[in-house]
Protein backbone atom coordinates (compact mmCIF):
# COMPACT_ATOMS: atom_id res chain seq x y z
CA MET A 1 111.99 149.38 67.93
CA THR A 2 112.66 149.17 71.73
CA THR A 3 111.57 151.90 73.71
CA SER A 4 113.47 152.57 76.88
CA GLU A 5 112.02 153.85 80.19
CA TYR A 6 113.72 154.71 83.50
CA PHE A 7 112.19 155.10 86.95
CA ALA A 8 113.57 155.94 90.31
CA VAL A 9 112.20 153.64 93.14
CA PHE A 10 112.18 155.70 96.67
CA PRO A 11 112.09 153.88 99.75
CA ASP A 12 108.47 154.58 100.24
CA GLY A 13 107.76 152.69 97.35
CA ASP A 14 107.25 155.96 95.08
CA ARG A 15 108.06 156.11 91.54
CA GLN A 16 109.48 158.82 89.49
CA GLU A 17 110.23 158.76 85.92
CA LEU A 18 113.85 159.61 84.88
CA ASP A 19 114.99 160.92 81.44
CA TYR A 20 118.23 158.96 81.91
CA PRO A 21 119.93 155.83 83.63
CA LEU A 22 121.59 156.20 86.88
CA ARG A 23 124.40 153.98 88.04
CA ILE A 24 124.62 152.09 91.29
CA ASP A 25 126.08 153.85 94.22
CA ALA A 26 125.07 157.42 92.42
CA LEU A 27 124.08 160.13 94.89
CA VAL A 28 121.11 161.77 93.90
CA ASP A 29 118.57 164.57 95.26
CA LEU A 30 115.14 164.31 96.54
CA ASN A 31 114.01 164.80 92.37
CA ALA A 32 116.35 161.85 91.44
CA ARG A 33 118.88 164.40 89.84
CA PRO A 34 122.61 163.36 90.70
CA LEU A 35 124.28 165.50 93.12
CA PRO A 36 127.41 167.50 92.05
CA LEU A 37 130.47 166.04 94.08
CA PRO A 38 132.04 167.39 96.50
CA LEU A 39 128.80 168.05 98.37
CA PRO A 40 128.86 171.80 99.99
CA THR A 41 127.21 170.64 103.41
CA ASN A 42 126.02 167.38 104.71
CA ARG A 43 122.85 168.78 105.87
CA ILE A 44 120.69 167.87 102.38
CA ILE A 45 118.62 165.00 101.61
CA ALA A 46 120.12 162.46 99.33
CA TYR A 47 119.57 158.95 98.32
CA ARG A 48 122.18 156.22 97.08
CA VAL A 49 121.08 153.90 94.02
CA VAL A 50 121.37 150.53 95.62
CA LYS A 51 119.78 148.23 93.29
CA ILE A 52 119.17 148.31 89.40
CA ARG A 53 116.46 145.96 87.98
CA LYS A 54 115.55 145.97 84.18
CA GLN A 55 112.32 144.30 83.34
CA GLU A 56 111.75 143.46 79.48
CA SER A 57 108.73 142.89 77.70
CA ARG A 58 107.93 143.24 73.72
CA GLY A 59 109.00 146.50 72.28
CA GLU A 60 109.75 147.85 75.88
CA GLU A 61 112.75 148.03 78.45
CA THR A 62 112.26 149.42 81.97
CA THR A 63 114.72 150.21 84.31
CA LEU A 64 114.35 150.53 87.90
CA HIS A 65 116.67 152.01 90.15
CA TYR A 66 115.96 151.45 93.75
CA LEU A 67 117.14 154.25 96.25
CA GLU A 68 117.89 154.18 99.77
CA LEU A 69 118.22 157.23 102.12
CA VAL A 70 121.74 158.41 103.00
CA PRO A 71 122.27 159.48 106.67
CA ALA A 72 124.03 162.76 107.25
CA ASP A 73 127.05 161.11 108.91
CA GLU A 74 127.74 159.18 105.68
CA LEU A 75 127.75 162.34 103.49
CA LEU A 76 130.58 163.84 105.63
CA ALA A 77 132.76 161.69 103.18
CA TYR A 78 131.27 163.42 100.21
CA LEU A 79 132.07 167.05 101.69
CA ARG A 80 134.77 169.63 100.26
CA PRO A 81 137.92 169.32 102.39
CA GLU A 82 138.28 172.44 104.73
CA ARG A 83 141.14 174.41 104.24
């Protein structure tokens, strides 16, 4: 039997264990939880999954999700349209 572990790797090198896998280009918050789209504002701290790496060893599979900070001007594309 193989066990799977998932981790978010922040730009400063800190790791946080996750209960679920993420996908490439997913937007997540400070706790590596997926952000609901569209975003209400661009004044939030958001990270994007830029790389996923799997490490396998006997009976264990570890998936590392590497994150990068998304600047506020890039978050404008994810905002609700104004009416």
